[in-house]
Each structure stands twice: as structure tokens, then as C-alpha cells.
């Protein structure tokens, strides 16, 4: 199922669904390689969604949401 595309130059994560979960974004942006690593990653990495510290791997991300992981910014787009 290919619902997502990552634009490397502008750090946009393009989705073709209404939302994705944070763990999916972590996988698509190569912060983790498997979904099972998400539980550990959200505890160890500095992750902010729209400026608020986030620790839930199942957090729903919608178009327009900005996610910062260890200082790198990504924007969810449709």
C-alpha cells in the first residue's frame, strides 16, 4: 500500500489519506526501520508536533501539521 511520498528537498511528507500516525511518519522519514521501534523512538527522540512535545506513537497527523524530530522539521501535506 503506497499512500505516502516524501519530498526530500522540502521535507514534506505527502499523504493520500486523511491522516497518518506519528509512527508511520517516523518510518517514512527513516528515523526507524520497523514499526516496533516506534515505541522506543518516541521516548528517546525529541519530537514536537505543532510546537508541543509528543510521546504517543499513535498520534494522528493531518495535512498542515508540522513535526520536528531532533531539530529536523517535516510538514504533512496532501
Protein backbone atom coordinates (compact mmCIF):
# COMPACT_ATOMS: atom_id res chain seq x y z
CA UNK A 1 0.00 0.00 0.00
CA UNK A 2 1.73 3.15 -1.13
CA UNK A 3 -0.13 6.06 0.42
CA UNK A 4 2.82 8.28 1.19
CA UNK A 5 5.54 10.12 -0.68
CA UNK A 6 8.41 12.01 0.88
CA UNK A 7 9.76 15.15 -0.82
CA UNK A 8 13.45 15.16 0.03
CA UNK A 9 14.21 18.77 -0.86
CA UNK A 10 11.47 20.46 1.16
CA UNK A 11 10.99 17.85 3.92
CA UNK A 12 7.30 17.47 3.15
CA UNK A 13 5.57 14.19 3.79
CA UNK A 14 2.77 13.90 1.25
CA UNK A 15 -0.16 11.69 2.19
CA UNK A 16 -3.09 10.42 0.16
CA UNK A 17 -5.24 9.61 3.19
CA UNK A 18 -6.92 11.87 5.74
CA UNK A 19 -4.14 11.36 8.29
CA UNK A 20 -1.11 9.25 9.22
CA UNK A 21 0.14 8.22 12.62
CA UNK A 22 3.40 9.52 14.05
CA UNK A 23 4.94 6.05 13.89
CA UNK A 24 4.29 5.97 10.13
CA UNK A 25 5.98 9.34 9.68
CA UNK A 26 8.99 8.12 11.68
CA UNK A 27 9.27 5.13 9.37
CA UNK A 28 8.81 7.14 6.16
CA UNK A 29 11.47 9.65 7.17
CA UNK A 30 13.94 6.88 8.04
CA UNK A 31 14.10 7.59 11.79
CA UNK A 32 13.07 3.98 12.40
CA UNK A 33 13.12 0.91 10.18
CA UNK A 34 10.26 -1.06 11.71
CA UNK A 35 7.01 -0.17 13.41
CA UNK A 36 8.17 -1.96 16.55
CA UNK A 37 10.94 0.60 17.04
CA UNK A 38 8.39 3.43 17.32
CA UNK A 39 7.66 2.80 21.00
CA UNK A 40 11.30 3.36 21.91
CA UNK A 41 11.83 6.18 19.43
CA UNK A 42 9.04 8.40 20.79
CA UNK A 43 10.60 8.15 24.25
CA UNK A 44 14.21 8.76 23.18
CA UNK A 45 13.84 11.32 20.38
CA UNK A 46 12.86 14.94 20.88
CA UNK A 47 9.60 15.05 18.90
CA UNK A 48 7.31 18.07 18.69
CA UNK A 49 4.01 18.26 16.81
CA UNK A 50 2.88 21.84 16.16
CA UNK A 51 5.23 23.04 18.91
CA UNK A 52 4.02 20.59 21.58
CA UNK A 53 6.22 17.74 22.88
CA UNK A 54 4.76 14.44 21.70
CA UNK A 55 5.32 10.97 23.14
CA UNK A 56 2.48 8.99 21.57
CA UNK A 57 3.43 6.87 18.59
CA UNK A 58 -0.22 6.69 17.51
CA UNK A 59 -0.67 10.48 17.39
CA UNK A 60 -2.72 11.30 14.28
CA UNK A 61 -1.06 13.78 11.94
CA UNK A 62 -3.15 15.76 9.46
CA UNK A 63 -2.21 17.92 6.47
CA UNK A 64 -0.72 21.17 7.75
CA UNK A 65 0.78 19.61 10.88
CA UNK A 66 4.42 20.44 11.48
CA UNK A 67 6.60 17.82 13.12
CA UNK A 68 10.09 18.48 14.45
CA UNK A 69 12.27 15.45 15.18
CA UNK A 70 15.67 16.11 16.74
CA UNK A 71 15.64 19.58 15.16
CA UNK A 72 14.60 18.47 11.66
CA UNK A 73 11.26 19.85 10.51
CA UNK A 74 8.70 18.00 8.43
CA UNK A 75 5.30 19.14 7.22
CA UNK A 76 2.42 16.80 6.43
CA UNK A 77 0.83 17.74 3.10
CA UNK A 78 -1.96 16.30 0.97
